[in-house]
Amino acid sequence: MTWQAKVKQLMAIKGINQKQLSQLSSITEASVSRYLKGERTARLDIIVNFAKALNVTTEYLLNDDEETEIRPYAEIATAIARNGGSLTAEEKNSLIAMILGSGD
């Protein structure tokens, strides 16, 4: 499934339209339409905005694996909060980079 199809699926699940997605992602409504139709290639920061707006990870949107589970940011935040006291600043920054899809 393409990332565009996943975004459309999540929009249907959450009951939001393109205008609402535009507002949540800080991307113009016209651009949202073009990205979802595949008329425009999305940079990573655009994918990050869509993921944040839909409360999923960039990994979920970009992974071609149909079995990839939707993992909300709230779940990730809870895990970090529970273990945050034992993490160094470097480990926290590394986790944030991974969440945003910029870490390997």
PDB file of N, CA and C in Angstrom:
ATOM      1  N   MET A   1       0.852  -1.175   0.000  1.00  0.00           N
ATOM      2  CA  MET A   1       0.000   0.000   0.000  1.00  0.00           C
ATOM      3  C   MET A   1       0.900   1.240   0.000  1.00  0.00           C
ATOM      4  N   THR A   2       0.587   2.205  -0.813  1.00  0.00           N
ATOM      5  CA  THR A   2       1.383   3.431  -0.875  1.00  0.00           C
ATOM      6  C   THR A   2       1.111   4.305   0.349  1.00  0.00           C
ATOM      7  N   TRP A   3       2.012   5.244   0.591  1.00  0.00           N
ATOM      8  CA  TRP A   3       1.795   6.139   1.738  1.00  0.00           C
ATOM      9  C   TRP A   3       0.534   6.976   1.519  1.00  0.00           C
ATOM     10  N   GLN A   4       0.258   7.313   0.244  1.00  0.00           N
ATOM     11  CA  GLN A   4      -0.948   8.083  -0.045  1.00  0.00           C
ATOM     12  C   GLN A   4      -2.209   7.290   0.306  1.00  0.00           C
ATOM     13  N   ALA A   5      -2.202   6.008  -0.038  1.00  0.00           N
ATOM     14  CA  ALA A   5      -3.352   5.148   0.282  1.00  0.00           C
ATOM     15  C   ALA A   5      -3.516   5.018   1.790  1.00  0.00           C
ATOM     16  N   LYS A   6      -2.401   4.937   2.510  1.00  0.00           N
ATOM     17  CA  LYS A   6      -2.479   4.847   3.970  1.00  0.00           C
ATOM     18  C   LYS A   6      -3.043   6.128   4.565  1.00  0.00           C
ATOM     19  N   VAL A   7      -2.621   7.268   4.029  1.00  0.00           N
ATOM     20  CA  VAL A   7      -3.155   8.544   4.512  1.00  0.00           C
ATOM     21  C   VAL A   7      -4.661   8.601   4.264  1.00  0.00           C
ATOM     22  N   LYS A   8      -5.086   8.215   3.079  1.00  0.00           N
ATOM     23  CA  LYS A   8      -6.526   8.218   2.756  1.00  0.00           C
ATOM     24  C   LYS A   8      -7.297   7.273   3.678  1.00  0.00           C
ATOM     25  N   GLN A   9      -6.724   6.107   3.933  1.00  0.00           N
ATOM     26  CA  GLN A   9      -7.359   5.130   4.828  1.00  0.00           C
ATOM     27  C   GLN A   9      -7.492   5.707   6.240  1.00  0.00           C
ATOM     28  N   LEU A  10      -6.425   6.328   6.718  1.00  0.00           N
ATOM     29  CA  LEU A  10      -6.457   6.917   8.057  1.00  0.00           C
ATOM     30  C   LEU A  10      -7.454   8.073   8.131  1.00  0.00           C
ATOM     31  N   MET A  11      -7.538   8.844   7.065  1.00  0.00           N
ATOM     32  CA  MET A  11      -8.516   9.933   7.022  1.00  0.00           C
ATOM     33  C   MET A  11      -9.930   9.370   7.157  1.00  0.00           C
ATOM     34  N   ALA A  12     -10.205   8.274   6.453  1.00  0.00           N
ATOM     35  CA  ALA A  12     -11.525   7.647   6.521  1.00  0.00           C
ATOM     36  C   ALA A  12     -11.801   7.117   7.930  1.00  0.00           C
ATOM     37  N   ILE A  13     -10.803   6.481   8.518  1.00  0.00           N
ATOM     38  CA  ILE A  13     -10.953   5.930   9.873  1.00  0.00           C
ATOM     39  C   ILE A  13     -11.239   7.033  10.877  1.00  0.00           C
ATOM     40  N   LYS A  14     -10.521   8.146  10.742  1.00  0.00           N
ATOM     41  CA  LYS A  14     -10.647   9.248  11.698  1.00  0.00           C
ATOM     42  C   LYS A  14     -11.786  10.205  11.341  1.00  0.00           C
ATOM     43  N   GLY A  15     -12.381  10.005  10.165  1.00  0.00           N
ATOM     44  CA  GLY A  15     -13.496  10.840   9.749  1.00  0.00           C
ATOM     45  C   GLY A  15     -13.099  12.283   9.449  1.00  0.00           C
ATOM     46  N   ILE A  16     -11.929  12.458   8.839  1.00  0.00           N
ATOM     47  CA  ILE A  16     -11.505  13.817   8.487  1.00  0.00           C
ATOM     48  C   ILE A  16     -11.389  13.954   6.973  1.00  0.00           C
ATOM     49  N   ASN A  17     -11.596  15.154   6.491  1.00  0.00           N
ATOM     50  CA  ASN A  17     -11.499  15.411   5.061  1.00  0.00           C
ATOM     51  C   ASN A  17     -10.173  16.110   4.741  1.00  0.00           C
ATOM     52  N   GLN A  18      -9.956  16.418   3.468  1.00  0.00           N
ATOM     53  CA  GLN A  18      -8.689  17.020   3.065  1.00  0.00           C
ATOM     54  C   GLN A  18      -8.485  18.401   3.684  1.00  0.00           C
ATOM     55  N   LYS A  19      -9.565  19.139   3.834  1.00  0.00           N
ATOM     56  CA  LYS A  19      -9.444  20.466   4.447  1.00  0.00           C
ATOM     57  C   LYS A  19      -8.971  20.340   5.893  1.00  0.00           C
ATOM     58  N   GLN A  20      -9.541  19.401   6.622  1.00  0.00           N
ATOM     59  CA  GLN A  20      -9.138  19.187   8.009  1.00  0.00           C
ATOM     60  C   GLN A  20      -7.699  18.687   8.084  1.00  0.00           C
ATOM     61  N   LEU A  21      -7.329  17.785   7.181  1.00  0.00           N
ATOM     62  CA  LEU A  21      -5.951  17.294   7.145  1.00  0.00           C
ATOM     63  C   LEU A  21      -5.001  18.447   6.845  1.00  0.00           C
ATOM     64  N   SER A  22      -5.416  19.322   5.958  1.00  0.00           N
ATOM     65  CA  SER A  22      -4.624  20.498   5.625  1.00  0.00           C
ATOM     66  C   SER A  22      -4.362  21.343   6.870  1.00  0.00           C
ATOM     67  N   GLN A  23      -5.394  21.569   7.637  1.00  0.00           N
ATOM     68  CA  GLN A  23      -5.261  22.367   8.855  1.00  0.00           C
ATOM     69  C   GLN A  23      -4.385  21.672   9.892  1.00  0.00           C
ATOM     70  N   LEU A  24      -4.566  20.366  10.054  1.00  0.00           N
ATOM     71  CA  LEU A  24      -3.792  19.610  11.031  1.00  0.00           C
ATOM     72  C   LEU A  24      -2.310  19.491  10.658  1.00  0.00           C
ATOM     73  N   SER A  25      -2.030  19.460   9.364  1.00  0.00           N
ATOM     74  CA  SER A  25      -0.659  19.238   8.899  1.00  0.00           C
ATOM     75  C   SER A  25       0.064  20.518   8.493  1.00  0.00           C
ATOM     76  N   SER A  26      -0.650  21.637   8.495  1.00  0.00           N
ATOM     77  CA  SER A  26      -0.073  22.925   8.079  1.00  0.00           C
ATOM     78  C   SER A  26       0.412  22.886   6.630  1.00  0.00           C
ATOM     79  N   ILE A  27      -0.324  22.174   5.797  1.00  0.00           N
ATOM     80  CA  ILE A  27      -0.038  22.075   4.363  1.00  0.00           C
ATOM     81  C   ILE A  27      -1.281  22.598   3.654  1.00  0.00           C
ATOM     82  N   THR A  28      -1.096  23.390   2.612  1.00  0.00           N
ATOM     83  CA  THR A  28      -2.267  23.949   1.937  1.00  0.00           C
ATOM     84  C   THR A  28      -3.169  22.828   1.422  1.00  0.00           C
ATOM     85  N   GLU A  29      -4.445  23.133   1.346  1.00  0.00           N
ATOM     86  CA  GLU A  29      -5.414  22.134   0.885  1.00  0.00           C
ATOM     87  C   GLU A  29      -5.106  21.680  -0.543  1.00  0.00           C
ATOM     88  N   ALA A  30      -4.697  22.619  -1.395  1.00  0.00           N
ATOM     89  CA  ALA A  30      -4.356  22.271  -2.782  1.00  0.00           C
ATOM     90  C   ALA A  30      -3.155  21.335  -2.817  1.00  0.00           C
ATOM     91  N   SER A  31      -2.162  21.591  -1.966  1.00  0.00           N
ATOM     92  CA  SER A  31      -0.981  20.721  -1.930  1.00  0.00           C
ATOM     93  C   SER A  31      -1.322  19.338  -1.394  1.00  0.00           C
ATOM     94  N   VAL A  32      -2.174  19.284  -0.365  1.00  0.00           N
ATOM     95  CA  VAL A  32      -2.612  17.990   0.170  1.00  0.00           C
ATOM     96  C   VAL A  32      -3.226  17.168  -0.955  1.00  0.00           C
ATOM     97  N   SER A  33      -4.094  17.794  -1.730  1.00  0.00           N
ATOM     98  CA  SER A  33      -4.746  17.107  -2.843  1.00  0.00           C
ATOM     99  C   SER A  33      -3.717  16.587  -3.841  1.00  0.00           C
ATOM    100  N   ARG A  34      -2.759  17.422  -4.194  1.00  0.00           N
ATOM    101  CA  ARG A  34      -1.734  17.011  -5.175  1.00  0.00           C
ATOM    102  C   ARG A  34      -0.863  15.874  -4.639  1.00  0.00           C
ATOM    103  N   TYR A  35      -0.483  15.942  -3.354  1.00  0.00           N
ATOM    104  CA  TYR A  35       0.330  14.876  -2.770  1.00  0.00           C
ATOM    105  C   TYR A  35      -0.443  13.559  -2.766  1.00  0.00           C
ATOM    106  N   LEU A  36      -1.708  13.613  -2.366  1.00  0.00           N
ATOM    107  CA  LEU A  36      -2.497  12.385  -2.261  1.00  0.00           C
ATOM    108  C   LEU A  36      -2.841  11.785  -3.617  1.00  0.00           C
ATOM    109  N   LYS A  37      -2.899  12.608  -4.653  1.00  0.00           N
ATOM    110  CA  LYS A  37      -3.126  12.101  -6.006  1.00  0.00           C
ATOM    111  C   LYS A  37      -1.829  11.643  -6.668  1.00  0.00           C
ATOM    112  N   GLY A  38      -0.700  11.916  -6.034  1.00  0.00           N
ATOM    113  CA  GLY A  38       0.584  11.549  -6.614  1.00  0.00           C
ATOM    114  C   GLY A  38       1.043  12.514  -7.698  1.00  0.00           C
ATOM    115  N   GLU A  39       0.415  13.668  -7.770  1.00  0.00           N
ATOM    116  CA  GLU A  39       0.782  14.666  -8.767  1.00  0.00           C
ATOM    117  C   GLU A  39       2.017  15.455  -8.339  1.00  0.00           C
ATOM    118  N   ARG A  40       2.355  15.341  -7.085  1.00  0.00           N
ATOM    119  CA  ARG A  40       3.486  16.064  -6.519  1.00  0.00           C
ATOM    120  C   ARG A  40       4.246  15.120  -5.604  1.00  0.00           C
ATOM    121  N   THR A  41       5.576  15.149  -5.681  1.00  0.00           N
ATOM    122  CA  THR A  41       6.404  14.291  -4.836  1.00  0.00           C
ATOM    123  C   THR A  41       6.608  14.957  -3.477  1.00  0.00           C
ATOM    124  N   ALA A  42       6.333  14.216  -2.424  1.00  0.00           N
ATOM    125  CA  ALA A  42       6.441  14.750  -1.064  1.00  0.00           C
ATOM    126  C   ALA A  42       7.850  14.590  -0.519  1.00  0.00           C
ATOM    127  N   ARG A  43       8.370  15.676   0.035  1.00  0.00           N
ATOM    128  CA  ARG A  43       9.645  15.627   0.760  1.00  0.00           C
ATOM    129  C   ARG A  43       9.385  14.969   2.114  1.00  0.00           C
ATOM    130  N   LEU A  44      10.461  14.590   2.802  1.00  0.00           N
ATOM    131  CA  LEU A  44      10.328  13.924   4.090  1.00  0.00           C
ATOM    132  C   LEU A  44       9.589  14.798   5.098  1.00  0.00           C
ATOM    133  N   ASP A  45       9.831  16.100   5.099  1.00  0.00           N
ATOM    134  CA  ASP A  45       9.151  16.964   6.063  1.00  0.00           C
ATOM    135  C   ASP A  45       7.636  16.976   5.848  1.00  0.00           C
ATOM    136  N   ILE A  46       7.211  16.793   4.612  1.00  0.00           N
ATOM    137  CA  ILE A  46       5.779  16.730   4.320  1.00  0.00           C
ATOM    138  C   ILE A  46       5.194  15.435   4.887  1.00  0.00           C
ATOM    139  N   ILE A  47       5.915  14.333   4.695  1.00  0.00           N
ATOM    140  CA  ILE A  47       5.483  13.037   5.248  1.00  0.00           C
ATOM    141  C   ILE A  47       5.404  13.134   6.776  1.00  0.00           C
ATOM    142  N   VAL A  48       6.396  13.780   7.383  1.00  0.00           N
ATOM    143  CA  VAL A  48       6.406  13.964   8.839  1.00  0.00           C
ATOM    144  C   VAL A  48       5.158  14.735   9.268  1.00  0.00           C
ATOM    145  N   ASN A  49       4.806  15.801   8.546  1.00  0.00           N
ATOM    146  CA  ASN A  49       3.611  16.582   8.883  1.00  0.00           C
ATOM    147  C   ASN A  49       2.346  15.737   8.790  1.00  0.00           C
ATOM    148  N   PHE A  50       2.243  14.919   7.740  1.00  0.00           N
ATOM    149  CA  PHE A  50       1.081  14.037   7.610  1.00  0.00           C
ATOM    150  C   PHE A  50       1.041  13.034   8.767  1.00  0.00           C
ATOM    151  N   ALA A  51       2.188  12.441   9.085  1.00  0.00           N
ATOM    152  CA  ALA A  51       2.244  11.455  10.169  1.00  0.00           C
ATOM    153  C   ALA A  51       1.817  12.070  11.501  1.00  0.00           C
ATOM    154  N   LYS A  52       2.334  13.248  11.800  1.00  0.00           N
ATOM    155  CA  LYS A  52       1.955  13.921  13.050  1.00  0.00           C
ATOM    156  C   LYS A  52       0.466  14.233  13.070  1.00  0.00           C
ATOM    157  N   ALA A  53      -0.044  14.738  11.960  1.00  0.00           N
ATOM    158  CA  ALA A  53      -1.460  15.096  11.882  1.00  0.00           C
ATOM    159  C   ALA A  53      -2.358  13.889  12.085  1.00  0.00           C
ATOM    160  N   LEU A  54      -1.906  12.722  11.623  1.00  0.00           N
ATOM    161  CA  LEU A  54      -2.706  11.500  11.705  1.00  0.00           C
ATOM    162  C   LEU A  54      -2.332  10.622  12.894  1.00  0.00           C
ATOM    163  N   ASN A  55      -1.380  11.101  13.698  1.00  0.00           N
ATOM    164  CA  ASN A  55      -0.974  10.396  14.918  1.00  0.00           C
ATOM    165  C   ASN A  55      -0.414   9.000  14.642  1.00  0.00           C
ATOM    166  N   VAL A  56       0.431   8.913  13.608  1.00  0.00           N
ATOM    167  CA  VAL A  56       1.129   7.674  13.286  1.00  0.00           C
ATOM    168  C   VAL A  56       2.606   7.990  13.070  1.00  0.00           C
ATOM    169  N   THR A  57       3.409   6.962  12.947  1.00  0.00           N
ATOM    170  CA  THR A  57       4.820   7.174  12.684  1.00  0.00           C
ATOM    171  C   THR A  57       5.081   7.297  11.186  1.00  0.00           C
ATOM    172  N   THR A  58       6.193   7.925  10.865  1.00  0.00           N
ATOM    173  CA  THR A  58       6.601   7.984   9.465  1.00  0.00           C
ATOM    174  C   THR A  58       6.907   6.585   8.960  1.00  0.00           C
ATOM    175  N   GLU A  59       7.403   5.739   9.847  1.00  0.00           N
ATOM    176  CA  GLU A  59       7.700   4.351   9.472  1.00  0.00           C
ATOM    177  C   GLU A  59       6.433   3.665   8.958  1.00  0.00           C
ATOM    178  N   TYR A  60       5.325   3.895   9.638  1.00  0.00           N
ATOM    179  CA  TYR A  60       4.074   3.281   9.200  1.00  0.00           C
ATOM    180  C   TYR A  60       3.697   3.756   7.800  1.00  0.00           C
ATOM    181  N   LEU A  61       3.776   5.071   7.574  1.00  0.00           N
ATOM    182  CA  LEU A  61       3.378   5.605   6.274  1.00  0.00           C
ATOM    183  C   LEU A  61       4.292   5.136   5.155  1.00  0.00           C
ATOM    184  N   LEU A  62       5.584   5.028   5.424  1.00  0.00           N
ATOM    185  CA  LEU A  62       6.547   4.742   4.357  1.00  0.00           C
ATOM    186  C   LEU A  62       6.854   3.267   4.164  1.00  0.00           C
ATOM    187  N   ASN A  63       6.497   2.435   5.126  1.00  0.00           N
ATOM    188  CA  ASN A  63       6.785   1.010   5.042  1.00  0.00           C
ATOM    189  C   ASN A  63       5.791   0.346   4.099  1.00  0.00           C
ATOM    190  N   ASP A  64       6.306  -0.406   3.134  1.00  0.00           N
ATOM    191  CA  ASP A  64       5.450  -1.096   2.160  1.00  0.00           C
ATOM    192  C   ASP A  64       4.792  -2.344   2.726  1.00  0.00           C
ATOM    193  N   ASP A  65       5.207  -2.775   3.889  1.00  0.00           N
ATOM    194  CA  ASP A  65       4.687  -3.983   4.505  1.00  0.00           C
ATOM    195  C   ASP A  65       3.225  -3.787   4.907  1.00  0.00           C
ATOM    196  N   GLU A  66       2.347  -4.558   4.331  1.00  0.00           N
ATOM    197  CA  GLU A  66       0.913  -4.462   4.620  1.00  0.00           C
ATOM    198  C   GLU A  66       0.605  -4.791   6.083  1.00  0.00           C
ATOM    199  N   GLU A  67       1.490  -5.531   6.729  1.00  0.00           N
ATOM    200  CA  GLU A  67       1.239  -5.958   8.096  1.00  0.00           C
ATOM    201  C   GLU A  67       1.686  -4.946   9.134  1.00  0.00           C
ATOM    202  N   THR A  68       2.304  -3.858   8.707  1.00  0.00           N
ATOM    203  CA  THR A  68       2.783  -2.863   9.656  1.00  0.00           C
ATOM    204  C   THR A  68       1.614  -2.308  10.449  1.00  0.00           C
ATOM    205  N   GLU A  69       1.783  -2.312  11.735  1.00  0.00           N
ATOM    206  CA  GLU A  69       0.732  -1.866  12.636  1.00  0.00           C
ATOM    207  C   GLU A  69       0.755  -0.339  12.752  1.00  0.00           C
ATOM    208  N   ILE A  70      -0.408   0.272  12.894  1.00  0.00           N
ATOM    209  CA  ILE A  70      -0.482   1.701  13.148  1.00  0.00           C
ATOM    210  C   ILE A  70      -0.067   1.926  14.593  1.00  0.00           C
ATOM    211  N   ARG A  71       0.989   2.721  14.778  1.00  0.00           N
ATOM    212  CA  ARG A  71       1.483   2.974  16.130  1.00  0.00           C
ATOM    213  C   ARG A  71       1.338   4.456  16.450  1.00  0.00           C
ATOM    214  N   PRO A  72       0.370   4.813  17.238  1.00  0.00           N
ATOM    215  CA  PRO A  72       0.133   6.223  17.541  1.00  0.00           C
ATOM    216  C   PRO A  72       1.282   6.843  18.327  1.00  0.00           C
ATOM    217  N   TYR A  73       1.486   8.137  18.111  1.00  0.00           N
ATOM    218  CA  TYR A  73       2.506   8.855  18.852  1.00  0.00           C
ATOM    219  C   TYR A  73       2.250   8.807  20.349  1.00  0.00           C
ATOM    220  N   ALA A  74       0.991   8.751  20.765  1.00  0.00           N
ATOM    221  CA  ALA A  74       0.666   8.699  22.183  1.00  0.00           C
ATOM    222  C   ALA A  74       1.292   7.470  22.833  1.00  0.00           C
ATOM    223  N   GLU A  75       1.255   6.346  22.136  1.00  0.00           N
ATOM    224  CA  GLU A  75       1.843   5.103  22.645  1.00  0.00           C
ATOM    225  C   GLU A  75       3.361   5.252  22.796  1.00  0.00           C
ATOM    226  N   ILE A  76       3.984   5.870  21.820  1.00  0.00           N
ATOM    227  CA  ILE A  76       5.428   6.087  21.861  1.00  0.00           C
ATOM    228  C   ILE A  76       5.775   7.054  22.985  1.00  0.00           C
ATOM    229  N   ALA A  77       5.009   8.120  23.105  1.00  0.00           N
ATOM    230  CA  ALA A  77       5.254   9.109  24.153  1.00  0.00           C
ATOM    231  C   ALA A  77       5.141   8.486  25.539  1.00  0.00           C
ATOM    232  N   THR A  78       4.169   7.599  25.714  1.00  0.00           N
ATOM    233  CA  THR A  78       3.994   6.916  26.991  1.00  0.00           C
ATOM    234  C   THR A  78       5.212   6.057  27.315  1.00  0.00           C
ATOM    235  N   ALA A  79       5.703   5.334  26.329  1.00  0.00           N
ATOM    236  CA  ALA A  79       6.887   4.486  26.536  1.00  0.00           C
ATOM    237  C   ALA A  79       8.097   5.328  26.919  1.00  0.00           C
ATOM    238  N   ILE A  80       8.266   6.457  26.264  1.00  0.00           N
ATOM    239  CA  ILE A  80       9.392   7.333  26.586  1.00  0.00           C
ATOM    240  C   ILE A  80       9.213   7.922  27.985  1.00  0.00           C
ATOM    241  N   ALA A  81       7.994   8.319  28.313  1.00  0.00           N
ATOM    242  CA  ALA A  81       7.736   8.913  29.630  1.00  0.00           C
ATOM    243  C   ALA A  81       8.031   7.927  30.753  1.00  0.00           C
ATOM    244  N   ARG A  82       7.682   6.673  30.537  1.00  0.00           N
ATOM    245  CA  ARG A  82       7.919   5.656  31.572  1.00  0.00           C
ATOM    246  C   ARG A  82       9.401   5.388  31.787  1.00  0.00           C
ATOM    247  N   ASN A  83      10.186   5.513  30.713  1.00  0.00           N
ATOM    248  CA  ASN A  83      11.609   5.204  30.793  1.00  0.00           C
ATOM    249  C   ASN A  83      12.483   6.448  30.692  1.00  0.00           C
ATOM    250  N   GLY A  84      11.853   7.599  30.576  1.00  0.00           N
ATOM    251  CA  GLY A  84      12.589   8.841  30.349  1.00  0.00           C
ATOM    252  C   GLY A  84      13.609   9.169  31.409  1.00  0.00           C
ATOM    253  N   GLY A  85      13.322   8.838  32.646  1.00  0.00           N
ATOM    254  CA  GLY A  85      14.247   9.142  33.734  1.00  0.00           C
ATOM    255  C   GLY A  85      15.555   8.392  33.636  1.00  0.00           C
ATOM    256  N   SER A  86      15.527   7.240  32.981  1.00  0.00           N
ATOM    257  CA  SER A  86      16.737   6.440  32.879  1.00  0.00           C
ATOM    258  C   SER A  86      17.489   6.651  31.567  1.00  0.00           C
ATOM    259  N   LEU A  87      16.944   7.505  30.693  1.00  0.00           N
ATOM    260  CA  LEU A  87      17.586   7.766  29.406  1.00  0.00           C
ATOM    261  C   LEU A  87      18.468   9.007  29.490  1.00  0.00           C
ATOM    262  N   THR A  88      19.603   8.943  28.825  1.00  0.00           N
ATOM    263  CA  THR A  88      20.457  10.119  28.734  1.00  0.00           C
ATOM    264  C   THR A  88      19.861  11.071  27.699  1.00  0.00           C
ATOM    265  N   ALA A  89      20.335  12.301  27.698  1.00  0.00           N
ATOM    266  CA  ALA A  89      19.861  13.275  26.710  1.00  0.00           C
ATOM    267  C   ALA A  89      20.159  12.778  25.302  1.00  0.00           C
ATOM    268  N   GLU A  90      21.306  12.152  25.115  1.00  0.00           N
ATOM    269  CA  GLU A  90      21.678  11.620  23.803  1.00  0.00           C
ATOM    270  C   GLU A  90      20.716  10.517  23.367  1.00  0.00           C
ATOM    271  N   GLU A  91      20.342   9.636  24.288  1.00  0.00           N
ATOM    272  CA  GLU A  91      19.397   8.561  23.970  1.00  0.00           C
ATOM    273  C   GLU A  91      18.017   9.123  23.632  1.00  0.00           C
ATOM    274  N   LYS A  92      17.588  10.154  24.353  1.00  0.00           N
ATOM    275  CA  LYS A  92      16.302  10.789  24.061  1.00  0.00           C
ATOM    276  C   LYS A  92      16.321  11.418  22.675  1.00  0.00           C
ATOM    277  N   ASN A  93      17.407  12.121  22.345  1.00  0.00           N
ATOM    278  CA  ASN A  93      17.526  12.741  21.026  1.00  0.00           C
ATOM    279  C   ASN A  93      17.543  11.691  19.921  1.00  0.00           C
ATOM    280  N   SER A  94      18.196  10.570  20.186  1.00  0.00           N
ATOM    281  CA  SER A  94      18.246   9.484  19.220  1.00  0.00           C
ATOM    282  C   SER A  94      16.842   8.922  18.978  1.00  0.00           C
ATOM    283  N   LEU A  95      16.078   8.739  20.050  1.00  0.00           N
ATOM    284  CA  LEU A  95      14.696   8.255  19.919  1.00  0.00           C
ATOM    285  C   LEU A  95      13.841   9.234  19.129  1.00  0.00           C
ATOM    286  N   ILE A  96      13.982  10.510  19.408  1.00  0.00           N
ATOM    287  CA  ILE A  96      13.210  11.513  18.674  1.00  0.00           C
ATOM    288  C   ILE A  96      13.557  11.459  17.197  1.00  0.00           C
ATOM    289  N   ALA A  97      14.834  11.338  16.885  1.00  0.00           N
ATOM    290  CA  ALA A  97      15.264  11.257  15.471  1.00  0.00           C
ATOM    291  C   ALA A  97      14.662  10.034  14.801  1.00  0.00           C
ATOM    292  N   MET A  98      14.632   8.893  15.502  1.00  0.00           N
ATOM    293  CA  MET A  98      14.045   7.679  14.932  1.00  0.00           C
ATOM    294  C   MET A  98      12.547   7.859  14.700  1.00  0.00           C
ATOM    295  N   ILE A  99      11.851   8.475  15.649  1.00  0.00           N
ATOM    296  CA  ILE A  99      10.416   8.688  15.541  1.00  0.00           C
ATOM    297  C   ILE A  99      10.105   9.553  14.324  1.00  0.00           C
ATOM    298  N   LEU A 100      10.928  10.571  14.128  1.00  0.00           N
ATOM    299  CA  LEU A 100      10.711  11.484  13.006  1.00  0.00           C
ATOM    300  C   LEU A 100      11.217  10.934  11.691  1.00  0.00           C
ATOM    301  N   GLY A 101      11.827   9.751  11.730  1.00  0.00           N
ATOM    302  CA  GLY A 101      12.268   9.111  10.493  1.00  0.00           C
ATOM    303  C   GLY A 101      13.600   9.603   9.983  1.00  0.00           C
ATOM    304  N   SER A 102      14.342  10.344  10.790  1.00  0.00           N
ATOM    305  CA  SER A 102      15.616  10.860  10.321  1.00  0.00           C
ATOM    306  C   SER A 102      16.805  10.083  10.865  1.00  0.00           C
ATOM    307  N   GLY A 103      16.552   9.097  11.704  1.00  0.00           N
ATOM    308  CA  GLY A 103      17.640   8.300  12.258  1.00  0.00           C
ATOM    309  C   GLY A 103      17.680   6.931  11.658  1.00  0.00           C
ATOM    310  N   ASP A 104      18.842   6.293  11.722  1.00  0.00           N
ATOM    311  CA  ASP A 104      18.987   4.917  11.216  1.00  0.00           C
ATOM    312  C   ASP A 104      19.224   3.953  12.337  1.00  0.00           C
TER     313      ASP A 104
END
